[in-house]
Amino acid sequence: IHEGQQINAPLFAAWQAADLLRPTTIELDL
């Protein structure tokens, strides 16, 4: 948990810089 808290922000910043994250809605037929 401690290590994860340290790497969270840098990793997601790198993803955003590369435009990897996309907002979406997942619709499922149950």
Full PDB file with SEQRES, HELIX, SHEET, SSBOND, CRYST1, ORIGX, SCALE, CONECT and MASTER records, all heavy atoms in Angstrom:
SEQRES   1 A   30  ILE HIS GLU GLY GLN GLN ILE ASN ALA PRO LEU PHE ALA          
SEQRES   2 A   30  ALA TRP GLN ALA ALA ASP LEU LEU ARG PRO THR THR ILE          
SEQRES   3 A   30  GLU LEU ASP LEU                                              
HELIX    1 AA1 HIS A    2  ALA A   17  1                                  16    
CRYST1    1.000    1.000    1.000  90.00  90.00  90.00 P 1           1          
ORIGX1      1.000000  0.000000  0.000000        0.00000                         
ORIGX2      0.000000  1.000000  0.000000        0.00000                         
ORIGX3      0.000000  0.000000  1.000000        0.00000                         
SCALE1      1.000000  0.000000  0.000000        0.00000                         
SCALE2      0.000000  1.000000  0.000000        0.00000                         
SCALE3      0.000000  0.000000  1.000000        0.00000                         
ATOM      1  N   ILE A   1       0.832  -1.208   0.000  1.00  0.00           N  
ATOM      2  CA  ILE A   1       0.000   0.000   0.000  1.00  0.00           C  
ATOM      3  C   ILE A   1       0.863   1.253   0.000  1.00  0.00           C  
ATOM      4  O   ILE A   1       0.616   2.192  -0.774  1.00  0.00           O  
ATOM      5  CB  ILE A   1      -0.950  -0.017   1.216  1.00  0.00           C  
ATOM      6  CG1 ILE A   1      -1.958  -1.165   1.078  1.00  0.00           C  
ATOM      7  CG2 ILE A   1      -1.670   1.318   1.354  1.00  0.00           C  
ATOM      8  CD1 ILE A   1      -2.824  -1.377   2.306  1.00  0.00           C  
ATOM      9  N   HIS A   2       1.888   1.264   0.837  1.00  0.00           N  
ATOM     10  CA  HIS A   2       2.760   2.443   0.917  1.00  0.00           C  
ATOM     11  C   HIS A   2       3.463   2.690  -0.424  1.00  0.00           C  
ATOM     12  O   HIS A   2       3.498   3.827  -0.920  1.00  0.00           O  
ATOM     13  CB  HIS A   2       3.790   2.259   2.019  1.00  0.00           C  
ATOM     14  CG  HIS A   2       4.772   3.381   2.120  1.00  0.00           C  
ATOM     15  ND1 HIS A   2       4.443   4.617   2.624  1.00  0.00           N  
ATOM     16  CD2 HIS A   2       6.086   3.460   1.738  1.00  0.00           C  
ATOM     17  CE1 HIS A   2       5.501   5.411   2.565  1.00  0.00           C  
ATOM     18  NE2 HIS A   2       6.507   4.737   2.047  1.00  0.00           N  
ATOM     19  N   GLU A   3       4.014   1.636  -1.008  1.00  0.00           N  
ATOM     20  CA  GLU A   3       4.696   1.779  -2.302  1.00  0.00           C  
ATOM     21  C   GLU A   3       3.704   2.226  -3.375  1.00  0.00           C  
ATOM     22  O   GLU A   3       4.010   3.090  -4.206  1.00  0.00           O  
ATOM     23  CB  GLU A   3       5.334   0.461  -2.703  1.00  0.00           C  
ATOM     24  CG  GLU A   3       6.025   0.513  -4.062  1.00  0.00           C  
ATOM     25  CD  GLU A   3       6.524  -0.849  -4.522  1.00  0.00           C  
ATOM     26  OE1 GLU A   3       6.517  -1.802  -3.710  1.00  0.00           O  
ATOM     27  OE2 GLU A   3       6.909  -0.960  -5.699  1.00  0.00           O  
ATOM     28  N   GLY A   4       2.507   1.641  -3.351  1.00  0.00           N  
ATOM     29  CA  GLY A   4       1.499   2.010  -4.342  1.00  0.00           C  
ATOM     30  C   GLY A   4       1.110   3.468  -4.261  1.00  0.00           C  
ATOM     31  O   GLY A   4       0.914   4.132  -5.291  1.00  0.00           O  
ATOM     32  N   GLN A   5       1.019   3.988  -3.057  1.00  0.00           N  
ATOM     33  CA  GLN A   5       0.687   5.402  -2.882  1.00  0.00           C  
ATOM     34  C   GLN A   5       1.763   6.305  -3.479  1.00  0.00           C  
ATOM     35  O   GLN A   5       1.459   7.394  -3.979  1.00  0.00           O  
ATOM     36  CB  GLN A   5       0.497   5.712  -1.398  1.00  0.00           C  
ATOM     37  CG  GLN A   5      -0.754   5.079  -0.803  1.00  0.00           C  
ATOM     38  CD  GLN A   5      -0.808   5.174   0.713  1.00  0.00           C  
ATOM     39  OE1 GLN A   5       0.237   5.261   1.370  1.00  0.00           O  
ATOM     40  NE2 GLN A   5      -1.994   5.157   1.287  1.00  0.00           N  
ATOM     41  N   GLN A   6       3.006   5.847  -3.449  1.00  0.00           N  
ATOM     42  CA  GLN A   6       4.111   6.650  -3.985  1.00  0.00           C  
ATOM     43  C   GLN A   6       4.129   6.664  -5.509  1.00  0.00           C  
ATOM     44  O   GLN A   6       4.506   7.663  -6.130  1.00  0.00           O  
ATOM     45  CB  GLN A   6       5.453   6.112  -3.461  1.00  0.00           C  
ATOM     46  CG  GLN A   6       5.558   6.017  -1.950  1.00  0.00           C  
ATOM     47  CD  GLN A   6       5.206   7.314  -1.251  1.00  0.00           C  
ATOM     48  OE1 GLN A   6       5.750   8.370  -1.555  1.00  0.00           O  
ATOM     49  NE2 GLN A   6       4.280   7.233  -0.300  1.00  0.00           N  
ATOM     50  N   ILE A   7       3.739   5.546  -6.127  1.00  0.00           N  
ATOM     51  CA  ILE A   7       3.853   5.457  -7.596  1.00  0.00           C  
ATOM     52  C   ILE A   7       2.565   5.809  -8.318  1.00  0.00           C  
ATOM     53  O   ILE A   7       2.563   5.956  -9.545  1.00  0.00           O  
ATOM     54  CB  ILE A   7       4.322   4.053  -8.032  1.00  0.00           C  
ATOM     55  CG1 ILE A   7       3.298   2.982  -7.650  1.00  0.00           C  
ATOM     56  CG2 ILE A   7       5.688   3.733  -7.437  1.00  0.00           C  
ATOM     57  CD1 ILE A   7       3.701   1.590  -8.095  1.00  0.00           C  
ATOM     58  N   ASN A   8       1.472   5.966  -7.578  1.00  0.00           N  
ATOM     59  CA  ASN A   8       0.180   6.276  -8.189  1.00  0.00           C  
ATOM     60  C   ASN A   8       0.255   7.486  -9.124  1.00  0.00           C  
ATOM     61  O   ASN A   8      -0.026   7.390 -10.317  1.00  0.00           O  
ATOM     62  CB  ASN A   8      -0.845   6.563  -7.086  1.00  0.00           C  
ATOM     63  CG  ASN A   8      -2.010   5.607  -7.105  1.00  0.00           C  
ATOM     64  OD1 ASN A   8      -1.950   4.535  -7.670  1.00  0.00           O  
ATOM     65  ND2 ASN A   8      -3.079   6.013  -6.459  1.00  0.00           N  
ATOM     66  N   ALA A   9       0.586   8.643  -8.561  1.00  0.00           N  
ATOM     67  CA  ALA A   9       0.530   9.891  -9.325  1.00  0.00           C  
ATOM     68  C   ALA A   9       1.493   9.895 -10.513  1.00  0.00           C  
ATOM     69  O   ALA A   9       1.091  10.274 -11.623  1.00  0.00           O  
ATOM     70  CB  ALA A   9       0.795  11.079  -8.407  1.00  0.00           C  
ATOM     71  N   PRO A  10       2.766   9.482 -10.352  1.00  0.00           N  
ATOM     72  CA  PRO A  10       3.662   9.482 -11.512  1.00  0.00           C  
ATOM     73  C   PRO A  10       3.194   8.571 -12.646  1.00  0.00           C  
ATOM     74  O   PRO A  10       3.302   8.927 -13.820  1.00  0.00           O  
ATOM     75  CB  PRO A  10       4.999   8.995 -10.926  1.00  0.00           C  
ATOM     76  CG  PRO A  10       4.923   9.313  -9.479  1.00  0.00           C  
ATOM     77  CD  PRO A  10       3.492   9.142  -9.111  1.00  0.00           C  
ATOM     78  N   LEU A  11       2.666   7.394 -12.293  1.00  0.00           N  
ATOM     79  CA  LEU A  11       2.225   6.481 -13.337  1.00  0.00           C  
ATOM     80  C   LEU A  11       1.041   7.052 -14.109  1.00  0.00           C  
ATOM     81  O   LEU A  11       1.028   7.049 -15.347  1.00  0.00           O  
ATOM     82  CB  LEU A  11       1.850   5.124 -12.731  1.00  0.00           C  
ATOM     83  CG  LEU A  11       1.406   4.075 -13.769  1.00  0.00           C  
ATOM     84  CD1 LEU A  11       2.085   2.745 -13.530  1.00  0.00           C  
ATOM     85  CD2 LEU A  11      -0.109   3.896 -13.765  1.00  0.00           C  
ATOM     86  N   PHE A  12       0.059   7.578 -13.402  1.00  0.00           N  
ATOM     87  CA  PHE A  12      -1.112   8.103 -14.089  1.00  0.00           C  
ATOM     88  C   PHE A  12      -0.780   9.370 -14.866  1.00  0.00           C  
ATOM     89  O   PHE A  12      -1.384   9.645 -15.907  1.00  0.00           O  
ATOM     90  CB  PHE A  12      -2.249   8.338 -13.099  1.00  0.00           C  
ATOM     91  CG  PHE A  12      -2.760   7.059 -12.473  1.00  0.00           C  
ATOM     92  CD1 PHE A  12      -3.062   6.999 -11.125  1.00  0.00           C  
ATOM     93  CD2 PHE A  12      -2.921   5.915 -13.237  1.00  0.00           C  
ATOM     94  CE1 PHE A  12      -3.522   5.828 -10.558  1.00  0.00           C  
ATOM     95  CE2 PHE A  12      -3.378   4.732 -12.673  1.00  0.00           C  
ATOM     96  CZ  PHE A  12      -3.684   4.686 -11.333  1.00  0.00           C  
ATOM     97  N   ALA A  13       0.188  10.146 -14.393  1.00  0.00           N  
ATOM     98  CA  ALA A  13       0.629  11.314 -15.161  1.00  0.00           C  
ATOM     99  C   ALA A  13       1.260  10.872 -16.475  1.00  0.00           C  
ATOM    100  O   ALA A  13       1.034  11.500 -17.528  1.00  0.00           O  
ATOM    101  CB  ALA A  13       1.620  12.127 -14.338  1.00  0.00           C  
ATOM    102  N   ALA A  14       2.036   9.790 -16.438  1.00  0.00           N  
ATOM    103  CA  ALA A  14       2.652   9.268 -17.661  1.00  0.00           C  
ATOM    104  C   ALA A  14       1.596   8.765 -18.624  1.00  0.00           C  
ATOM    105  O   ALA A  14       1.690   8.974 -19.845  1.00  0.00           O  
ATOM    106  CB  ALA A  14       3.630   8.142 -17.309  1.00  0.00           C  
ATOM    107  N   TRP A  15       0.583   8.110 -18.112  1.00  0.00           N  
ATOM    108  CA  TRP A  15      -0.503   7.637 -18.974  1.00  0.00           C  
ATOM    109  C   TRP A  15      -1.249   8.806 -19.615  1.00  0.00           C  
ATOM    110  O   TRP A  15      -1.581   8.761 -20.805  1.00  0.00           O  
ATOM    111  CB  TRP A  15      -1.485   6.811 -18.150  1.00  0.00           C  
ATOM    112  CG  TRP A  15      -1.023   5.417 -17.846  1.00  0.00           C  
ATOM    113  CD1 TRP A  15       0.204   4.877 -18.084  1.00  0.00           C  
ATOM    114  CD2 TRP A  15      -1.798   4.386 -17.222  1.00  0.00           C  
ATOM    115  NE1 TRP A  15       0.254   3.575 -17.652  1.00  0.00           N  
ATOM    116  CE2 TRP A  15      -0.955   3.248 -17.125  1.00  0.00           C  
ATOM    117  CE3 TRP A  15      -3.097   4.329 -16.737  1.00  0.00           C  
ATOM    118  CZ2 TRP A  15      -1.407   2.060 -16.558  1.00  0.00           C  
ATOM    119  CZ3 TRP A  15      -3.540   3.143 -16.177  1.00  0.00           C  
ATOM    120  CH2 TRP A  15      -2.708   2.023 -16.084  1.00  0.00           C  
ATOM    121  N   GLN A  16      -1.516   9.832 -18.811  1.00  0.00           N  
ATOM    122  CA  GLN A  16      -2.237  10.978 -19.358  1.00  0.00           C  
ATOM    123  C   GLN A  16      -1.415  11.691 -20.429  1.00  0.00           C  
ATOM    124  O   GLN A  16      -1.958  12.141 -21.441  1.00  0.00           O  
ATOM    125  CB  GLN A  16      -2.608  11.942 -18.234  1.00  0.00           C  
ATOM    126  CG  GLN A  16      -3.730  11.426 -17.341  1.00  0.00           C  
ATOM    127  CD  GLN A  16      -4.125  12.440 -16.293  1.00  0.00           C  
ATOM    128  OE1 GLN A  16      -3.404  12.674 -15.327  1.00  0.00           O  
ATOM    129  NE2 GLN A  16      -5.273  13.064 -16.474  1.00  0.00           N  
ATOM    130  N   ALA A  17      -0.110  11.770 -20.209  1.00  0.00           N  
ATOM    131  CA  ALA A  17       0.753  12.410 -21.200  1.00  0.00           C  
ATOM    132  C   ALA A  17       0.723  11.654 -22.514  1.00  0.00           C  
ATOM    133  O   ALA A  17       0.869  12.255 -23.597  1.00  0.00           O  
ATOM    134  CB  ALA A  17       2.184  12.492 -20.658  1.00  0.00           C  
ATOM    135  N   ALA A  18       0.534  10.332 -22.443  1.00  0.00           N  
ATOM    136  CA  ALA A  18       0.473   9.512 -23.649  1.00  0.00           C  
ATOM    137  C   ALA A  18      -0.958   9.312 -24.139  1.00  0.00           C  
ATOM    138  O   ALA A  18      -1.188   8.592 -25.114  1.00  0.00           O  
ATOM    139  CB  ALA A  18       1.114   8.151 -23.380  1.00  0.00           C  
ATOM    140  N   ASP A  19      -1.915   9.967 -23.473  1.00  0.00           N  
ATOM    141  CA  ASP A  19      -3.334   9.912 -23.862  1.00  0.00           C  
ATOM    142  C   ASP A  19      -3.867   8.474 -23.880  1.00  0.00           C  
ATOM    143  O   ASP A  19      -4.589   8.078 -24.800  1.00  0.00           O  
ATOM    144  CB  ASP A  19      -3.531  10.562 -25.237  1.00  0.00           C  
ATOM    145  CG  ASP A  19      -4.987  10.952 -25.481  1.00  0.00           C  
ATOM    146  OD1 ASP A  19      -5.710  11.169 -24.496  1.00  0.00           O  
ATOM    147  OD2 ASP A  19      -5.402  10.999 -26.658  1.00  0.00           O  
ATOM    148  N   LEU A  20      -3.521   7.711 -22.843  1.00  0.00           N  
ATOM    149  CA  LEU A  20      -3.948   6.313 -22.786  1.00  0.00           C  
ATOM    150  C   LEU A  20      -5.299   6.118 -22.107  1.00  0.00           C  
ATOM    151  O   LEU A  20      -5.967   5.108 -22.349  1.00  0.00           O  
ATOM    152  CB  LEU A  20      -2.898   5.472 -22.043  1.00  0.00           C  
ATOM    153  CG  LEU A  20      -1.550   5.272 -22.730  1.00  0.00           C  
ATOM    154  CD1 LEU A  20      -0.655   4.394 -21.878  1.00  0.00           C  
ATOM    155  CD2 LEU A  20      -1.736   4.655 -24.110  1.00  0.00           C  
ATOM    156  N   LEU A  21      -5.689   7.047 -21.260  1.00  0.00           N  
ATOM    157  CA  LEU A  21      -6.934   6.892 -20.507  1.00  0.00           C  
ATOM    158  C   LEU A  21      -8.099   7.552 -21.233  1.00  0.00           C  
ATOM    159  O   LEU A  21      -7.986   8.682 -21.711  1.00  0.00           O  
ATOM    160  CB  LEU A  21      -6.792   7.496 -19.113  1.00  0.00           C  
ATOM    161  CG  LEU A  21      -5.941   6.697 -18.133  1.00  0.00           C  
ATOM    162  CD1 LEU A  21      -5.655   7.514 -16.882  1.00  0.00           C  
ATOM    163  CD2 LEU A  21      -6.621   5.389 -17.762  1.00  0.00           C  
ATOM    164  N   ARG A  22      -9.197   6.831 -21.276  1.00  0.00           N  
ATOM    165  CA  ARG A  22     -10.358   7.344 -22.007  1.00  0.00           C  
ATOM    166  C   ARG A  22     -11.607   7.241 -21.138  1.00  0.00           C  
ATOM    167  O   ARG A  22     -11.907   6.160 -20.605  1.00  0.00           O  
ATOM    168  CB  ARG A  22     -10.558   6.542 -23.284  1.00  0.00           C  
ATOM    169  CG  ARG A  22     -11.683   7.047 -24.173  1.00  0.00           C  
ATOM    170  CD  ARG A  22     -11.494   6.555 -25.579  1.00  0.00           C  
ATOM    171  NE  ARG A  22     -10.203   6.993 -26.112  1.00  0.00           N  
ATOM    172  CZ  ARG A  22      -9.614   6.439 -27.165  1.00  0.00           C  
ATOM    173  NH1 ARG A  22     -10.187   5.439 -27.787  1.00  0.00           N  
ATOM    174  NH2 ARG A  22      -8.453   6.890 -27.583  1.00  0.00           N  
ATOM    175  N   PRO A  23     -12.344   8.346 -20.969  1.00  0.00           N  
ATOM    176  CA  PRO A  23     -13.613   8.265 -20.231  1.00  0.00           C  
ATOM    177  C   PRO A  23     -14.633   7.443 -21.012  1.00  0.00           C  
ATOM    178  O   PRO A  23     -14.719   7.545 -22.247  1.00  0.00           O  
ATOM    179  CB  PRO A  23     -14.048   9.731 -20.110  1.00  0.00           C  
ATOM    180  CG  PRO A  23     -13.326  10.453 -21.194  1.00  0.00           C  
ATOM    181  CD  PRO A  23     -12.054   9.712 -21.433  1.00  0.00           C  
ATOM    182  N   THR A  24     -15.385   6.625 -20.302  1.00  0.00           N  
ATOM    183  CA  THR A  24     -16.351   5.770 -20.990  1.00  0.00           C  
ATOM    184  C   THR A  24     -17.438   5.332 -20.028  1.00  0.00           C  
ATOM    185  O   THR A  24     -17.352   5.534 -18.815  1.00  0.00           O  
ATOM    186  CB  THR A  24     -15.647   4.532 -21.590  1.00  0.00           C  
ATOM    187  OG1 THR A  24     -16.549   3.842 -22.443  1.00  0.00           O  
ATOM    188  CG2 THR A  24     -15.192   3.586 -20.490  1.00  0.00           C  
ATOM    189  N   THR A  25     -18.467   4.731 -20.592  1.00  0.00           N  
ATOM    190  CA  THR A  25     -19.512   4.035 -19.840  1.00  0.00           C  
ATOM    191  C   THR A  25     -19.577   2.618 -20.384  1.00  0.00           C  
ATOM    192  O   THR A  25     -19.623   2.418 -21.597  1.00  0.00           O  
ATOM    193  CB  THR A  25     -20.874   4.723 -20.014  1.00  0.00           C  
ATOM    194  OG1 THR A  25     -20.834   6.021 -19.409  1.00  0.00           O  
ATOM    195  CG2 THR A  25     -21.977   3.910 -19.354  1.00  0.00           C  
ATOM    196  N   ILE A  26     -19.541   1.644 -19.504  1.00  0.00           N  
ATOM    197  CA  ILE A  26     -19.635   0.246 -19.918  1.00  0.00           C  
ATOM    198  C   ILE A  26     -21.066  -0.213 -19.667  1.00  0.00           C  
ATOM    199  O   ILE A  26     -21.533  -0.227 -18.523  1.00  0.00           O  
ATOM    200  CB  ILE A  26     -18.642  -0.647 -19.153  1.00  0.00           C  
ATOM    201  CG1 ILE A  26     -17.204  -0.202 -19.445  1.00  0.00           C  
ATOM    202  CG2 ILE A  26     -18.833  -2.112 -19.535  1.00  0.00           C  
ATOM    203  CD1 ILE A  26     -16.156  -1.006 -18.688  1.00  0.00           C  
ATOM    204  N   GLU A  27     -21.755  -0.566 -20.736  1.00  0.00           N  
ATOM    205  CA  GLU A  27     -23.132  -1.051 -20.627  1.00  0.00           C  
ATOM    206  C   GLU A  27     -23.134  -2.561 -20.809  1.00  0.00           C  
ATOM    207  O   GLU A  27     -22.570  -3.084 -21.775  1.00  0.00           O  
ATOM    208  CB  GLU A  27     -24.019  -0.368 -21.667  1.00  0.00           C  
ATOM    209  CG  GLU A  27     -24.113   1.143 -21.466  1.00  0.00           C  
ATOM    210  CD  GLU A  27     -25.054   1.809 -22.458  1.00  0.00           C  
ATOM    211  OE1 GLU A  27     -25.578   1.088 -23.337  1.00  0.00           O  
ATOM    212  OE2 GLU A  27     -25.259   3.024 -22.340  1.00  0.00           O  
ATOM    213  N   LEU A  28     -23.772  -3.257 -19.871  1.00  0.00           N  
ATOM    214  CA  LEU A  28     -23.720  -4.712 -19.851  1.00  0.00           C  
ATOM    215  C   LEU A  28     -25.116  -5.306 -19.892  1.00  0.00           C  
ATOM    216  O   LEU A  28     -26.040  -4.838 -19.216  1.00  0.00           O  
ATOM    217  CB  LEU A  28     -23.015  -5.198 -18.578  1.00  0.00           C  
ATOM    218  CG  LEU A  28     -21.580  -4.717 -18.358  1.00  0.00           C  
ATOM    219  CD1 LEU A  28     -21.075  -5.200 -17.003  1.00  0.00           C  
ATOM    220  CD2 LEU A  28     -20.674  -5.228 -19.470  1.00  0.00           C  
ATOM    221  N   ASP A  29     -25.259  -6.363 -20.688  1.00  0.00           N  
ATOM    222  CA  ASP A  29     -26.478  -7.167 -20.723  1.00  0.00           C  
ATOM    223  C   ASP A  29     -26.290  -8.308 -19.731  1.00  0.00           C  
ATOM    224  O   ASP A  29     -25.432  -9.176 -19.932  1.00  0.00           O  
ATOM    225  CB  ASP A  29     -26.715  -7.695 -22.137  1.00  0.00           C  
ATOM    226  CG  ASP A  29     -27.980  -8.540 -22.253  1.00  0.00           C  
ATOM    227  OD1 ASP A  29     -28.658  -8.760 -21.233  1.00  0.00           O  
ATOM    228  OD2 ASP A  29     -28.273  -9.016 -23.369  1.00  0.00           O  
ATOM    229  N   LEU A  30     -27.073  -8.318 -18.667  1.00  0.00           N  
ATOM    230  CA  LEU A  30     -26.936  -9.315 -17.619  1.00  0.00           C  
ATOM    231  C   LEU A  30     -27.817 -10.532 -17.856  1.00  0.00           C  
ATOM    232  O   LEU A  30     -27.778 -11.491 -17.086  1.00  0.00           O  
ATOM    233  CB  LEU A  30     -27.263  -8.700 -16.254  1.00  0.00           C  
ATOM    234  CG  LEU A  30     -26.424  -7.488 -15.856  1.00  0.00           C  
ATOM    235  CD1 LEU A  30     -26.882  -6.952 -14.507  1.00  0.00           C  
ATOM    236  CD2 LEU A  30     -24.940  -7.820 -15.831  1.00  0.00           C  
TER     237      LEU A  30                                                      
MASTER        0    0    0    1    0    0    0    6  236    1    0    3          
END                                                                             
